[in-house]
Amino acid sequence: MNAGITFFYYEDIALAAKFYTEVMGFKMIDDQGWAKIFQINGSAFMGVVDGKKGLCRVQDENAVLLTLVVDDVDEWYTYLKDQGAALVTKVQGKEDIQIRCFFLRDPGGYALEVQQFLHPEVAQAFCG
């Protein structure tokens, strides 16, 4: 395997693409019209797809969580709050698994988690 792409399906692909480029800052790697692929970092990618095309269909509620690992969860929380993102929780600590995180929803209702690992060796594995 060389890379991974997670695809989300939307009623309004333009709104989703705008969120991931303008708010999240992801670089669009491939614009296929009804599908757009964004680079999260390195070989981690996510795509947005027109819900009327592709394999899957838009659901009322999706059982998918995209976790984005960062160096500074507080900085991301403040940034996304200032951008008017649909925050679901405040920053919270989960000492039992040594992380700090918060949750939000994207324009299609998909759940996103922004997470910071507190254990130095684990953080190094994800963040370099």
C-alpha atoms as a PDB file:
ATOM      1  CA  MET A   1       0.000   0.000   0.000  1.00  0.00           C
ATOM      2  CA  ASN A   2       1.212   3.485  -0.810  1.00  0.00           C
ATOM      3  CA  ALA A   3      -1.512   5.747   0.568  1.00  0.00           C
ATOM      4  CA  GLY A   4      -5.042   5.828   1.935  1.00  0.00           C
ATOM      5  CA  ILE A   5      -8.048   7.903   0.887  1.00  0.00           C
ATOM      6  CA  THR A   6     -11.256   8.175   2.934  1.00  0.00           C
ATOM      7  CA  PHE A   7     -14.259   9.376   0.905  1.00  0.00           C
ATOM      8  CA  PHE A   8     -17.244  11.290   2.320  1.00  0.00           C
ATOM      9  CA  TYR A   9     -20.478  11.804   0.322  1.00  0.00           C
ATOM     10  CA  TYR A  10     -22.340  15.125   0.207  1.00  0.00           C
ATOM     11  CA  GLU A  11     -25.532  16.743  -1.053  1.00  0.00           C
ATOM     12  CA  ASP A  12     -23.510  19.948  -1.594  1.00  0.00           C
ATOM     13  CA  ILE A  13     -20.003  19.000  -2.755  1.00  0.00           C
ATOM     14  CA  ALA A  14     -19.077  22.660  -3.372  1.00  0.00           C
ATOM     15  CA  LEU A  15     -19.748  23.579   0.270  1.00  0.00           C
ATOM     16  CA  ALA A  16     -17.740  20.564   1.472  1.00  0.00           C
ATOM     17  CA  ALA A  17     -14.819  21.379  -0.849  1.00  0.00           C
ATOM     18  CA  LYS A  18     -14.817  24.992   0.342  1.00  0.00           C
ATOM     19  CA  PHE A  19     -14.719  23.861   3.997  1.00  0.00           C
ATOM     20  CA  TYR A  20     -11.782  21.515   3.462  1.00  0.00           C
ATOM     21  CA  THR A  21      -9.759  23.999   1.396  1.00  0.00           C
ATOM     22  CA  GLU A  22     -10.566  27.311   3.071  1.00  0.00           C
ATOM     23  CA  VAL A  23     -11.194  26.316   6.687  1.00  0.00           C
ATOM     24  CA  MET A  24      -9.152  23.140   7.169  1.00  0.00           C
ATOM     25  CA  GLY A  25      -6.397  24.221   4.780  1.00  0.00           C
ATOM     26  CA  PHE A  26      -6.166  20.916   2.902  1.00  0.00           C
ATOM     27  CA  LYS A  27      -4.556  20.984  -0.538  1.00  0.00           C
ATOM     28  CA  MET A  28      -6.740  19.709  -3.383  1.00  0.00           C
ATOM     29  CA  ILE A  29      -4.695  17.092  -5.221  1.00  0.00           C
ATOM     30  CA  ASP A  30      -7.247  15.993  -7.813  1.00  0.00           C
ATOM     31  CA  ASP A  31     -10.479  17.633  -8.952  1.00  0.00           C
ATOM     32  CA  GLN A  32     -12.489  15.019 -10.817  1.00  0.00           C
ATOM     33  CA  GLY A  33     -15.611  17.175 -10.925  1.00  0.00           C
ATOM     34  CA  TRP A  34     -18.007  15.046  -8.876  1.00  0.00           C
ATOM     35  CA  ALA A  35     -15.128  13.862  -6.635  1.00  0.00           C
ATOM     36  CA  LYS A  36     -12.302  15.924  -5.181  1.00  0.00           C
ATOM     37  CA  ILE A  37      -9.289  14.513  -3.330  1.00  0.00           C
ATOM     38  CA  PHE A  38      -7.460  16.470  -0.642  1.00  0.00           C
ATOM     39  CA  GLN A  39      -4.107  15.808   0.973  1.00  0.00           C
ATOM     40  CA  ILE A  40      -4.282  15.924   4.748  1.00  0.00           C
ATOM     41  CA  ASN A  41      -0.559  15.313   5.204  1.00  0.00           C
ATOM     42  CA  GLY A  42       2.023  12.950   3.718  1.00  0.00           C
ATOM     43  CA  SER A  43       0.167   9.954   2.330  1.00  0.00           C
ATOM     44  CA  ALA A  44      -3.091  10.626   4.209  1.00  0.00           C
ATOM     45  CA  PHE A  45      -5.910  11.804   1.936  1.00  0.00           C
ATOM     46  CA  MET A  46      -9.640  12.382   2.092  1.00  0.00           C
ATOM     47  CA  GLY A  47     -12.109  12.935  -0.688  1.00  0.00           C
ATOM     48  CA  VAL A  48     -15.487  14.572  -1.096  1.00  0.00           C
ATOM     49  CA  VAL A  49     -17.956  13.035  -3.519  1.00  0.00           C
ATOM     50  CA  ASP A  50     -21.252  14.204  -5.003  1.00  0.00           C
ATOM     51  CA  GLY A  51     -23.862  12.132  -3.170  1.00  0.00           C
ATOM     52  CA  LYS A  52     -25.681  11.351  -6.399  1.00  0.00           C
ATOM     53  CA  LYS A  53     -22.615   9.662  -7.884  1.00  0.00           C
ATOM     54  CA  GLY A  54     -20.057   7.114  -6.751  1.00  0.00           C
ATOM     55  CA  LEU A  55     -20.589   3.949  -4.748  1.00  0.00           C
ATOM     56  CA  CYS A  56     -22.197   5.292  -1.555  1.00  0.00           C
ATOM     57  CA  ARG A  57     -25.124   7.607  -0.905  1.00  0.00           C
ATOM     58  CA  VAL A  58     -25.560  10.452   1.560  1.00  0.00           C
ATOM     59  CA  GLN A  59     -26.981   9.259   4.894  1.00  0.00           C
ATOM     60  CA  ASP A  60     -28.967  11.219   7.493  1.00  0.00           C
ATOM     61  CA  GLU A  61     -26.300  10.282  10.038  1.00  0.00           C
ATOM     62  CA  ASN A  62     -22.892   8.813   9.288  1.00  0.00           C
ATOM     63  CA  ALA A  63     -21.035   6.435  11.595  1.00  0.00           C
ATOM     64  CA  VAL A  64     -17.650   7.765  10.467  1.00  0.00           C
ATOM     65  CA  LEU A  65     -15.119   9.766  12.443  1.00  0.00           C
ATOM     66  CA  LEU A  66     -12.117  11.376  10.778  1.00  0.00           C
ATOM     67  CA  THR A  67      -9.406  12.074  13.350  1.00  0.00           C
ATOM     68  CA  LEU A  68      -6.836  14.727  12.547  1.00  0.00           C
ATOM     69  CA  VAL A  69      -3.675  14.556  14.663  1.00  0.00           C
ATOM     70  CA  VAL A  70      -2.099  17.919  15.518  1.00  0.00           C
ATOM     71  CA  ASP A  71       0.731  19.318  17.651  1.00  0.00           C
ATOM     72  CA  ASP A  72      -1.417  21.943  19.425  1.00  0.00           C
ATOM     73  CA  VAL A  73      -5.078  21.073  19.947  1.00  0.00           C
ATOM     74  CA  ASP A  74      -5.811  24.386  21.720  1.00  0.00           C
ATOM     75  CA  GLU A  75      -4.543  26.394  18.750  1.00  0.00           C
ATOM     76  CA  TRP A  76      -6.756  24.416  16.365  1.00  0.00           C
ATOM     77  CA  TYR A  77      -9.765  24.810  18.660  1.00  0.00           C
ATOM     78  CA  THR A  78      -9.375  28.589  18.751  1.00  0.00           C
ATOM     79  CA  TYR A  79      -8.823  28.753  14.990  1.00  0.00           C
ATOM     80  CA  LEU A  80     -11.866  26.640  14.133  1.00  0.00           C
ATOM     81  CA  LYS A  81     -14.051  28.508  16.636  1.00  0.00           C
ATOM     82  CA  ASP A  82     -12.981  31.794  15.011  1.00  0.00           C
ATOM     83  CA  GLN A  83     -13.859  30.322  11.589  1.00  0.00           C
ATOM     84  CA  GLY A  84     -17.386  29.557  12.789  1.00  0.00           C
ATOM     85  CA  ALA A  85     -16.941  25.790  12.511  1.00  0.00           C
ATOM     86  CA  ALA A  86     -19.688  23.627  14.010  1.00  0.00           C
ATOM     87  CA  LEU A  87     -17.896  22.658  17.216  1.00  0.00           C
ATOM     88  CA  VAL A  88     -19.514  19.827  19.163  1.00  0.00           C
ATOM     89  CA  THR A  89     -17.313  19.826  22.265  1.00  0.00           C
ATOM     90  CA  LYS A  90     -14.716  21.969  23.948  1.00  0.00           C
ATOM     91  CA  VAL A  91     -11.151  20.696  24.307  1.00  0.00           C
ATOM     92  CA  GLN A  92     -11.173  17.758  26.667  1.00  0.00           C
ATOM     93  CA  GLY A  93      -8.522  15.592  28.224  1.00  0.00           C
ATOM     94  CA  LYS A  94      -8.746  11.818  28.161  1.00  0.00           C
ATOM     95  CA  GLU A  95      -6.052  10.861  30.629  1.00  0.00           C
ATOM     96  CA  ASP A  96      -6.734   7.117  30.366  1.00  0.00           C
ATOM     97  CA  ILE A  97      -5.560   7.142  26.735  1.00  0.00           C
ATOM     98  CA  GLN A  98      -3.262  10.178  27.058  1.00  0.00           C
ATOM     99  CA  ILE A  99      -4.848  12.505  24.522  1.00  0.00           C
ATOM    100  CA  ARG A 100      -6.472  15.932  24.357  1.00  0.00           C
ATOM    101  CA  CYS A 101      -9.147  16.438  21.736  1.00  0.00           C
ATOM    102  CA  PHE A 102     -12.329  18.119  20.587  1.00  0.00           C
ATOM    103  CA  PHE A 103     -15.037  17.242  18.091  1.00  0.00           C
ATOM    104  CA  LEU A 104     -16.786  19.147  15.331  1.00  0.00           C
ATOM    105  CA  ARG A 105     -19.048  18.507  12.343  1.00  0.00           C
ATOM    106  CA  ASP A 106     -18.266  19.385   8.756  1.00  0.00           C
ATOM    107  CA  PRO A 107     -20.888  20.931   6.428  1.00  0.00           C
ATOM    108  CA  GLY A 108     -22.251  17.463   5.541  1.00  0.00           C
ATOM    109  CA  GLY A 109     -22.608  16.426   9.169  1.00  0.00           C
ATOM    110  CA  TYR A 110     -19.551  14.166   9.268  1.00  0.00           C
ATOM    111  CA  ALA A 111     -17.814  13.996  12.645  1.00  0.00           C
ATOM    112  CA  LEU A 112     -14.225  15.230  12.887  1.00  0.00           C
ATOM    113  CA  GLU A 113     -11.934  14.885  15.864  1.00  0.00           C
ATOM    114  CA  VAL A 114      -8.885  17.076  16.317  1.00  0.00           C
ATOM    115  CA  GLN A 115      -6.527  15.203  18.608  1.00  0.00           C
ATOM    116  CA  GLN A 116      -3.170  15.704  20.278  1.00  0.00           C
ATOM    117  CA  PHE A 117      -1.259  12.755  21.718  1.00  0.00           C
ATOM    118  CA  LEU A 118       0.248  13.437  25.142  1.00  0.00           C
ATOM    119  CA  HIS A 119       2.584  10.446  25.290  1.00  0.00           C
ATOM    120  CA  PRO A 120       5.859  11.682  23.687  1.00  0.00           C
ATOM    121  CA  GLU A 121       6.665   8.448  21.819  1.00  0.00           C
ATOM    122  CA  VAL A 122       3.173   8.191  20.337  1.00  0.00           C
ATOM    123  CA  ALA A 123       3.158  11.894  19.410  1.00  0.00           C
ATOM    124  CA  GLN A 124       6.536  11.417  17.688  1.00  0.00           C
ATOM    125  CA  ALA A 125       5.169   8.516  15.636  1.00  0.00           C
ATOM    126  CA  PHE A 126       2.326  10.673  14.280  1.00  0.00           C
ATOM    127  CA  CYS A 127       3.805  14.168  14.209  1.00  0.00           C
ATOM    128  CA  GLY A 128       7.509  13.553  13.584  1.00  0.00           C
END
